[in-house]
Amino acid sequence: MKVHVANHPLISHKLTHLRDERTDSPTFRLLVEELVTLLAYEATREVRTTTIKIKTPVTETSGLVLAEPRPVVVPILRAGLGMLEGMTK
């Protein structure tokens, strides 16, 4: 199994506060959501994209969108449910 270590100061900061026993429940939930949002960037780094043409207010150009099939997020009960919101944002 390939393992990727997300070594980023913001992730480390939030993880430290998440693990702290003094962190109250509302803050814990917020930290989980924020941490998962940051981890989602790392997890989707190699997702396939496709180029489409779009029209901006100024001109026509091209842009990237996620290719089909798009990634699917499946939470593993119980801890995974708390991570779902941050992953799907």
PDB file of N, CA and C in Angstrom:
ATOM      1  N   MET A   1       0.837  -1.166   0.000  1.00  0.00           N
ATOM      2  CA  MET A   1       0.000   0.000   0.000  1.00  0.00           C
ATOM      3  C   MET A   1       0.891   1.241   0.000  1.00  0.00           C
ATOM      4  N   LYS A   2       0.581   2.182  -0.873  1.00  0.00           N
ATOM      5  CA  LYS A   2       1.338   3.422  -0.971  1.00  0.00           C
ATOM      6  C   LYS A   2       0.886   4.380   0.140  1.00  0.00           C
ATOM      7  N   VAL A   3       1.839   4.928   0.866  1.00  0.00           N
ATOM      8  CA  VAL A   3       1.547   5.868   1.949  1.00  0.00           C
ATOM      9  C   VAL A   3       2.116   7.227   1.586  1.00  0.00           C
ATOM     10  N   HIS A   4       1.313   8.265   1.766  1.00  0.00           N
ATOM     11  CA  HIS A   4       1.769   9.632   1.533  1.00  0.00           C
ATOM     12  C   HIS A   4       1.656  10.392   2.848  1.00  0.00           C
ATOM     13  N   VAL A   5       2.741  10.983   3.292  1.00  0.00           N
ATOM     14  CA  VAL A   5       2.743  11.769   4.519  1.00  0.00           C
ATOM     15  C   VAL A   5       2.533  13.227   4.145  1.00  0.00           C
ATOM     16  N   ALA A   6       1.438  13.802   4.623  1.00  0.00           N
ATOM     17  CA  ALA A   6       1.140  15.210   4.361  1.00  0.00           C
ATOM     18  C   ALA A   6       1.870  16.036   5.412  1.00  0.00           C
ATOM     19  N   ASN A   7       3.061  16.465   5.076  1.00  0.00           N
ATOM     20  CA  ASN A   7       3.911  17.206   5.998  1.00  0.00           C
ATOM     21  C   ASN A   7       3.762  18.697   5.721  1.00  0.00           C
ATOM     22  N   HIS A   8       2.758  19.309   6.342  1.00  0.00           N
ATOM     23  CA  HIS A   8       2.479  20.723   6.118  1.00  0.00           C
ATOM     24  C   HIS A   8       2.219  21.385   7.470  1.00  0.00           C
ATOM     25  N   PRO A   9       2.731  22.594   7.699  1.00  0.00           N
ATOM     26  CA  PRO A   9       2.564  23.255   8.992  1.00  0.00           C
ATOM     27  C   PRO A   9       1.103  23.428   9.422  1.00  0.00           C
ATOM     28  N   LEU A  10       0.201  23.748   8.504  1.00  0.00           N
ATOM     29  CA  LEU A  10      -1.209  23.918   8.879  1.00  0.00           C
ATOM     30  C   LEU A  10      -1.832  22.597   9.320  1.00  0.00           C
ATOM     31  N   ILE A  11      -1.485  21.520   8.625  1.00  0.00           N
ATOM     32  CA  ILE A  11      -2.003  20.207   8.998  1.00  0.00           C
ATOM     33  C   ILE A  11      -1.469  19.808  10.371  1.00  0.00           C
ATOM     34  N   SER A  12      -0.191  20.007  10.605  1.00  0.00           N
ATOM     35  CA  SER A  12       0.408  19.680  11.904  1.00  0.00           C
ATOM     36  C   SER A  12      -0.219  20.497  13.022  1.00  0.00           C
ATOM     37  N   HIS A  13      -0.431  21.779  12.787  1.00  0.00           N
ATOM     38  CA  HIS A  13      -1.037  22.675  13.774  1.00  0.00           C
ATOM     39  C   HIS A  13      -2.435  22.195  14.163  1.00  0.00           C
ATOM     40  N   LYS A  14      -3.258  21.926  13.163  1.00  0.00           N
ATOM     41  CA  LYS A  14      -4.630  21.502  13.430  1.00  0.00           C
ATOM     42  C   LYS A  14      -4.669  20.119  14.080  1.00  0.00           C
ATOM     43  N   LEU A  15      -3.783  19.228  13.659  1.00  0.00           N
ATOM     44  CA  LEU A  15      -3.732  17.896  14.243  1.00  0.00           C
ATOM     45  C   LEU A  15      -3.334  17.954  15.716  1.00  0.00           C
ATOM     46  N   THR A  16      -2.407  18.826  16.058  1.00  0.00           N
ATOM     47  CA  THR A  16      -1.997  18.988  17.453  1.00  0.00           C
ATOM     48  C   THR A  16      -3.170  19.430  18.311  1.00  0.00           C
ATOM     49  N   HIS A  17      -3.927  20.430  17.845  1.00  0.00           N
ATOM     50  CA  HIS A  17      -5.085  20.903  18.610  1.00  0.00           C
ATOM     51  C   HIS A  17      -6.191  19.846  18.655  1.00  0.00           C
ATOM     52  N   LEU A  18      -6.335  19.083  17.596  1.00  0.00           N
ATOM     53  CA  LEU A  18      -7.332  18.012  17.547  1.00  0.00           C
ATOM     54  C   LEU A  18      -7.026  16.948  18.603  1.00  0.00           C
ATOM     55  N   ARG A  19      -5.765  16.641  18.796  1.00  0.00           N
ATOM     56  CA  ARG A  19      -5.346  15.592  19.728  1.00  0.00           C
ATOM     57  C   ARG A  19      -5.308  16.058  21.180  1.00  0.00           C
ATOM     58  N   ASP A  20      -5.319  17.361  21.413  1.00  0.00           N
ATOM     59  CA  ASP A  20      -5.219  17.923  22.761  1.00  0.00           C
ATOM     60  C   ASP A  20      -6.473  17.585  23.573  1.00  0.00           C
ATOM     61  N   GLU A  21      -6.299  17.007  24.746  1.00  0.00           N
ATOM     62  CA  GLU A  21      -7.441  16.624  25.581  1.00  0.00           C
ATOM     63  C   GLU A  21      -8.271  17.818  26.047  1.00  0.00           C
ATOM     64  N   ARG A  22      -7.718  19.008  25.987  1.00  0.00           N
ATOM     65  CA  ARG A  22      -8.459  20.210  26.405  1.00  0.00           C
ATOM     66  C   ARG A  22      -9.380  20.752  25.317  1.00  0.00           C
ATOM     67  N   THR A  23      -9.328  20.190  24.126  1.00  0.00           N
ATOM     68  CA  THR A  23     -10.157  20.660  23.016  1.00  0.00           C
ATOM     69  C   THR A  23     -11.600  20.235  23.249  1.00  0.00           C
ATOM     70  N   ASP A  24     -12.514  21.227  23.268  1.00  0.00           N
ATOM     71  CA  ASP A  24     -13.931  20.913  23.489  1.00  0.00           C
ATOM     72  C   ASP A  24     -14.561  20.320  22.226  1.00  0.00           C
ATOM     73  N   SER A  25     -15.756  19.751  22.375  1.00  0.00           N
ATOM     74  CA  SER A  25     -16.416  19.044  21.265  1.00  0.00           C
ATOM     75  C   SER A  25     -16.682  19.914  20.038  1.00  0.00           C
ATOM     76  N   PRO A  26     -17.240  21.141  20.194  1.00  0.00           N
ATOM     77  CA  PRO A  26     -17.469  21.957  18.994  1.00  0.00           C
ATOM     78  C   PRO A  26     -16.175  22.291  18.246  1.00  0.00           C
ATOM     79  N   THR A  27     -15.118  22.587  18.986  1.00  0.00           N
ATOM     80  CA  THR A  27     -13.830  22.893  18.359  1.00  0.00           C
ATOM     81  C   THR A  27     -13.259  21.648  17.692  1.00  0.00           C
ATOM     82  N   PHE A  28     -13.424  20.495  18.335  1.00  0.00           N
ATOM     83  CA  PHE A  28     -12.956  19.235  17.763  1.00  0.00           C
ATOM     84  C   PHE A  28     -13.614  18.984  16.411  1.00  0.00           C
ATOM     85  N   ARG A  29     -14.932  19.151  16.334  1.00  0.00           N
ATOM     86  CA  ARG A  29     -15.645  18.932  15.071  1.00  0.00           C
ATOM     87  C   ARG A  29     -15.176  19.905  13.998  1.00  0.00           C
ATOM     88  N   LEU A  30     -14.977  21.164  14.375  1.00  0.00           N
ATOM     89  CA  LEU A  30     -14.491  22.165  13.426  1.00  0.00           C
ATOM     90  C   LEU A  30     -13.090  21.806  12.927  1.00  0.00           C
ATOM     91  N   LEU A  31     -12.230  21.384  13.835  1.00  0.00           N
ATOM     92  CA  LEU A  31     -10.871  20.999  13.453  1.00  0.00           C
ATOM     93  C   LEU A  31     -10.870  19.792  12.519  1.00  0.00           C
ATOM     94  N   VAL A  32     -11.742  18.818  12.779  1.00  0.00           N
ATOM     95  CA  VAL A  32     -11.835  17.652  11.889  1.00  0.00           C
ATOM     96  C   VAL A  32     -12.213  18.104  10.491  1.00  0.00           C
ATOM     97  N   GLU A  33     -13.223  18.973  10.394  1.00  0.00           N
ATOM     98  CA  GLU A  33     -13.668  19.463   9.087  1.00  0.00           C
ATOM     99  C   GLU A  33     -12.545  20.211   8.365  1.00  0.00           C
ATOM    100  N   GLU A  34     -11.861  21.105   9.078  1.00  0.00           N
ATOM    101  CA  GLU A  34     -10.776  21.875   8.467  1.00  0.00           C
ATOM    102  C   GLU A  34      -9.611  20.972   8.060  1.00  0.00           C
ATOM    103  N   LEU A  35      -9.273  20.025   8.912  1.00  0.00           N
ATOM    104  CA  LEU A  35      -8.163  19.120   8.632  1.00  0.00           C
ATOM    105  C   LEU A  35      -8.462  18.245   7.416  1.00  0.00           C
ATOM    106  N   VAL A  36      -9.669  17.735   7.340  1.00  0.00           N
ATOM    107  CA  VAL A  36     -10.036  16.886   6.204  1.00  0.00           C
ATOM    108  C   VAL A  36     -10.058  17.694   4.912  1.00  0.00           C
ATOM    109  N   THR A  37     -10.481  18.955   4.979  1.00  0.00           N
ATOM    110  CA  THR A  37     -10.458  19.805   3.786  1.00  0.00           C
ATOM    111  C   THR A  37      -9.023  19.955   3.279  1.00  0.00           C
ATOM    112  N   LEU A  38      -8.089  20.166   4.190  1.00  0.00           N
ATOM    113  CA  LEU A  38      -6.681  20.265   3.790  1.00  0.00           C
ATOM    114  C   LEU A  38      -6.170  18.935   3.236  1.00  0.00           C
ATOM    115  N   LEU A  39      -6.552  17.839   3.856  1.00  0.00           N
ATOM    116  CA  LEU A  39      -6.114  16.522   3.384  1.00  0.00           C
ATOM    117  C   LEU A  39      -6.739  16.163   2.043  1.00  0.00           C
ATOM    118  N   ALA A  40      -7.920  16.695   1.769  1.00  0.00           N
ATOM    119  CA  ALA A  40      -8.582  16.432   0.486  1.00  0.00           C
ATOM    120  C   ALA A  40      -7.740  16.954  -0.677  1.00  0.00           C
ATOM    121  N   TYR A  41      -7.091  18.094  -0.478  1.00  0.00           N
ATOM    122  CA  TYR A  41      -6.206  18.623  -1.521  1.00  0.00           C
ATOM    123  C   TYR A  41      -5.101  17.627  -1.840  1.00  0.00           C
ATOM    124  N   GLU A  42      -4.525  17.040  -0.801  1.00  0.00           N
ATOM    125  CA  GLU A  42      -3.459  16.061  -1.009  1.00  0.00           C
ATOM    126  C   GLU A  42      -4.003  14.782  -1.641  1.00  0.00           C
ATOM    127  N   ALA A  43      -5.154  14.330  -1.175  1.00  0.00           N
ATOM    128  CA  ALA A  43      -5.720  13.066  -1.658  1.00  0.00           C
ATOM    129  C   ALA A  43      -6.163  13.138  -3.112  1.00  0.00           C
ATOM    130  N   THR A  44      -6.500  14.328  -3.583  1.00  0.00           N
ATOM    131  CA  THR A  44      -6.998  14.469  -4.956  1.00  0.00           C
ATOM    132  C   THR A  44      -5.958  15.069  -5.900  1.00  0.00           C
ATOM    133  N   ARG A  45      -4.735  15.104  -5.470  1.00  0.00           N
ATOM    134  CA  ARG A  45      -3.668  15.721  -6.262  1.00  0.00           C
ATOM    135  C   ARG A  45      -3.533  15.107  -7.655  1.00  0.00           C
ATOM    136  N   GLU A  46      -3.760  13.809  -7.780  1.00  0.00           N
ATOM    137  CA  GLU A  46      -3.557  13.131  -9.059  1.00  0.00           C
ATOM    138  C   GLU A  46      -4.865  12.731  -9.744  1.00  0.00           C
ATOM    139  N   VAL A  47      -5.964  13.356  -9.368  1.00  0.00           N
ATOM    140  CA  VAL A  47      -7.252  13.070 -10.011  1.00  0.00           C
ATOM    141  C   VAL A  47      -7.193  13.555 -11.458  1.00  0.00           C
ATOM    142  N   ARG A  48      -7.754  12.752 -12.367  1.00  0.00           N
ATOM    143  CA  ARG A  48      -7.722  13.109 -13.784  1.00  0.00           C
ATOM    144  C   ARG A  48      -8.629  14.307 -14.056  1.00  0.00           C
ATOM    145  N   THR A  49      -8.185  15.152 -14.981  1.00  0.00           N
ATOM    146  CA  THR A  49      -8.968  16.310 -15.404  1.00  0.00           C
ATOM    147  C   THR A  49      -9.140  16.279 -16.919  1.00  0.00           C
ATOM    148  N   THR A  50     -10.079  17.055 -17.381  1.00  0.00           N
ATOM    149  CA  THR A  50     -10.289  17.208 -18.811  1.00  0.00           C
ATOM    150  C   THR A  50     -10.450  18.693 -19.113  1.00  0.00           C
ATOM    151  N   THR A  51     -10.090  19.091 -20.309  1.00  0.00           N
ATOM    152  CA  THR A  51     -10.159  20.496 -20.705  1.00  0.00           C
ATOM    153  C   THR A  51     -11.503  20.778 -21.369  1.00  0.00           C
ATOM    154  N   ILE A  52     -12.123  21.897 -20.962  1.00  0.00           N
ATOM    155  CA  ILE A  52     -13.360  22.339 -21.601  1.00  0.00           C
ATOM    156  C   ILE A  52     -13.198  23.788 -22.036  1.00  0.00           C
ATOM    157  N   LYS A  53     -14.006  24.203 -22.998  1.00  0.00           N
ATOM    158  CA  LYS A  53     -14.014  25.603 -23.421  1.00  0.00           C
ATOM    159  C   LYS A  53     -15.111  26.322 -22.651  1.00  0.00           C
ATOM    160  N   ILE A  54     -14.776  27.525 -22.187  1.00  0.00           N
ATOM    161  CA  ILE A  54     -15.748  28.346 -21.474  1.00  0.00           C
ATOM    162  C   ILE A  54     -15.718  29.762 -22.025  1.00  0.00           C
ATOM    163  N   LYS A  55     -16.778  30.485 -21.764  1.00  0.00           N
ATOM    164  CA  LYS A  55     -16.846  31.882 -22.181  1.00  0.00           C
ATOM    165  C   LYS A  55     -16.852  32.741 -20.926  1.00  0.00           C
ATOM    166  N   THR A  56     -15.871  33.621 -20.831  1.00  0.00           N
ATOM    167  CA  THR A  56     -15.801  34.557 -19.715  1.00  0.00           C
ATOM    168  C   THR A  56     -16.450  35.864 -20.159  1.00  0.00           C
ATOM    169  N   PRO A  57     -16.624  36.817 -19.256  1.00  0.00           N
ATOM    170  CA  PRO A  57     -17.166  38.112 -19.677  1.00  0.00           C
ATOM    171  C   PRO A  57     -16.284  38.828 -20.706  1.00  0.00           C
ATOM    172  N   VAL A  58     -15.011  38.444 -20.792  1.00  0.00           N
ATOM    173  CA  VAL A  58     -14.079  39.127 -21.682  1.00  0.00           C
ATOM    174  C   VAL A  58     -13.827  38.358 -22.978  1.00  0.00           C
ATOM    175  N   THR A  59     -13.644  37.039 -22.875  1.00  0.00           N
ATOM    176  CA  THR A  59     -13.265  36.249 -24.050  1.00  0.00           C
ATOM    177  C   THR A  59     -13.582  34.779 -23.830  1.00  0.00           C
ATOM    178  N   GLU A  60     -13.336  33.978 -24.853  1.00  0.00           N
ATOM    179  CA  GLU A  60     -13.423  32.535 -24.693  1.00  0.00           C
ATOM    180  C   GLU A  60     -12.055  32.012 -24.284  1.00  0.00           C
ATOM    181  N   THR A  61     -12.070  30.973 -23.471  1.00  0.00           N
ATOM    182  CA  THR A  61     -10.823  30.373 -23.002  1.00  0.00           C
ATOM    183  C   THR A  61     -11.083  28.909 -22.691  1.00  0.00           C
ATOM    184  N   SER A  62     -10.094  28.243 -22.179  1.00  0.00           N
ATOM    185  CA  SER A  62     -10.278  26.852 -21.766  1.00  0.00           C
ATOM    186  C   SER A  62      -9.956  26.734 -20.286  1.00  0.00           C
ATOM    187  N   GLY A  63     -10.515  25.711 -19.673  1.00  0.00           N
ATOM    188  CA  GLY A  63     -10.281  25.467 -18.257  1.00  0.00           C
ATOM    189  C   GLY A  63     -10.326  23.973 -17.979  1.00  0.00           C
ATOM    190  N   LEU A  64      -9.935  23.598 -16.787  1.00  0.00           N
ATOM    191  CA  LEU A  64      -9.908  22.193 -16.397  1.00  0.00           C
ATOM    192  C   LEU A  64     -11.069  21.876 -15.468  1.00  0.00           C
ATOM    193  N   VAL A  65     -11.684  20.723 -15.681  1.00  0.00           N
ATOM    194  CA  VAL A  65     -12.713  20.195 -14.786  1.00  0.00           C
ATOM    195  C   VAL A  65     -12.354  18.746 -14.473  1.00  0.00           C
ATOM    196  N   LEU A  66     -12.918  18.219 -13.396  1.00  0.00           N
ATOM    197  CA  LEU A  66     -12.665  16.824 -13.053  1.00  0.00           C
ATOM    198  C   LEU A  66     -13.222  15.917 -14.131  1.00  0.00           C
ATOM    199  N   ALA A  67     -12.431  14.944 -14.530  1.00  0.00           N
ATOM    200  CA  ALA A  67     -12.853  13.986 -15.559  1.00  0.00           C
ATOM    201  C   ALA A  67     -13.857  13.002 -14.970  1.00  0.00           C
ATOM    202  N   GLU A  68     -14.672  12.443 -15.839  1.00  0.00           N
ATOM    203  CA  GLU A  68     -15.605  11.391 -15.427  1.00  0.00           C
ATOM    204  C   GLU A  68     -14.875  10.057 -15.471  1.00  0.00           C
ATOM    205  N   PRO A  69     -15.119   9.148 -14.591  1.00  0.00           N
ATOM    206  CA  PRO A  69     -15.970   9.308 -13.420  1.00  0.00           C
ATOM    207  C   PRO A  69     -15.253  10.118 -12.347  1.00  0.00           C
ATOM    208  N   ARG A  70     -16.014  10.936 -11.658  1.00  0.00           N
ATOM    209  CA  ARG A  70     -15.451  11.760 -10.585  1.00  0.00           C
ATOM    210  C   ARG A  70     -15.191  10.900  -9.353  1.00  0.00           C
ATOM    211  N   PRO A  71     -14.302  11.376  -8.484  1.00  0.00           N
ATOM    212  CA  PRO A  71     -14.026  10.613  -7.253  1.00  0.00           C
ATOM    213  C   PRO A  71     -15.287  10.477  -6.404  1.00  0.00           C
ATOM    214  N   VAL A  72     -15.397   9.368  -5.722  1.00  0.00           N
ATOM    215  CA  VAL A  72     -16.521   9.100  -4.827  1.00  0.00           C
ATOM    216  C   VAL A  72     -15.989   9.078  -3.404  1.00  0.00           C
ATOM    217  N   VAL A  73     -16.703   9.731  -2.505  1.00  0.00           N
ATOM    218  CA  VAL A  73     -16.321   9.749  -1.097  1.00  0.00           C
ATOM    219  C   VAL A  73     -17.261   8.814  -0.345  1.00  0.00           C
ATOM    220  N   VAL A  74     -16.694   7.802   0.298  1.00  0.00           N
ATOM    221  CA  VAL A  74     -17.482   6.835   1.063  1.00  0.00           C
ATOM    222  C   VAL A  74     -16.948   6.825   2.489  1.00  0.00           C
ATOM    223  N   PRO A  75     -17.705   7.396   3.437  1.00  0.00           N
ATOM    224  CA  PRO A  75     -17.223   7.417   4.819  1.00  0.00           C
ATOM    225  C   PRO A  75     -17.319   6.033   5.457  1.00  0.00           C
ATOM    226  N   ILE A  76     -16.328   5.703   6.249  1.00  0.00           N
ATOM    227  CA  ILE A  76     -16.362   4.469   7.029  1.00  0.00           C
ATOM    228  C   ILE A  76     -16.938   4.851   8.389  1.00  0.00           C
ATOM    229  N   LEU A  77     -18.077   4.248   8.704  1.00  0.00           N
ATOM    230  CA  LEU A  77     -18.769   4.603   9.950  1.00  0.00           C
ATOM    231  C   LEU A  77     -17.822   4.439  11.113  1.00  0.00           C
ATOM    232  N   ARG A  78     -17.898   5.130  11.944  1.00  0.00           N
ATOM    233  CA  ARG A  78     -18.432   6.220  12.658  1.00  0.00           C
ATOM    234  C   ARG A  78     -17.535   7.428  12.524  1.00  0.00           C
ATOM    235  N   ALA A  79     -16.242   7.241  12.608  1.00  0.00           N
ATOM    236  CA  ALA A  79     -15.325   8.379  12.503  1.00  0.00           C
ATOM    237  C   ALA A  79     -15.402   9.029  11.132  1.00  0.00           C
ATOM    238  N   GLY A  80     -15.669   8.245  10.116  1.00  0.00           N
ATOM    239  CA  GLY A  80     -15.717   8.774   8.757  1.00  0.00           C
ATOM    240  C   GLY A  80     -16.838   9.757   8.518  1.00  0.00           C
ATOM    241  N   LEU A  81     -17.945   9.603   9.238  1.00  0.00           N
ATOM    242  CA  LEU A  81     -19.066  10.526   9.058  1.00  0.00           C
ATOM    243  C   LEU A  81     -18.675  11.952   9.423  1.00  0.00           C
ATOM    244  N   GLY A  82     -17.861  12.112  10.447  1.00  0.00           N
ATOM    245  CA  GLY A  82     -17.411  13.438  10.847  1.00  0.00           C
ATOM    246  C   GLY A  82     -16.472  14.073   9.840  1.00  0.00           C
ATOM    247  N   MET A  83     -15.910  13.271   8.961  1.00  0.00           N
ATOM    248  CA  MET A  83     -14.971  13.771   7.962  1.00  0.00           C
ATOM    249  C   MET A  83     -15.650  14.089   6.640  1.00  0.00           C
ATOM    250  N   LEU A  84     -16.859  13.615   6.453  1.00  0.00           N
ATOM    251  CA  LEU A  84     -17.538  13.742   5.168  1.00  0.00           C
ATOM    252  C   LEU A  84     -17.741  15.194   4.748  1.00  0.00           C
ATOM    253  N   GLU A  85     -18.174  16.042   5.662  1.00  0.00           N
ATOM    254  CA  GLU A  85     -18.442  17.449   5.335  1.00  0.00           C
ATOM    255  C   GLU A  85     -17.195  18.149   4.809  1.00  0.00           C
ATOM    256  N   GLY A  86     -16.073  17.965   5.484  1.00  0.00           N
ATOM    257  CA  GLY A  86     -14.839  18.610   5.045  1.00  0.00           C
ATOM    258  C   GLY A  86     -14.340  18.096   3.708  1.00  0.00           C
ATOM    259  N   MET A  87     -14.608  16.840   3.407  1.00  0.00           N
ATOM    260  CA  MET A  87     -14.136  16.251   2.151  1.00  0.00           C
ATOM    261  C   MET A  87     -14.981  16.699   0.968  1.00  0.00           C
ATOM    262  N   THR A  88     -16.263  16.917   1.177  1.00  0.00           N
ATOM    263  CA  THR A  88     -17.147  17.240   0.058  1.00  0.00           C
ATOM    264  C   THR A  88     -17.251  18.731  -0.220  1.00  0.00           C
ATOM    265  N   LYS A  89     -16.645  19.565   0.602  1.00  0.00           N
ATOM    266  CA  LYS A  89     -16.734  21.020   0.382  1.00  0.00           C
ATOM    267  C   LYS A  89     -16.009  21.421  -0.866  1.00  0.00           C
TER     268      LYS A  89
END
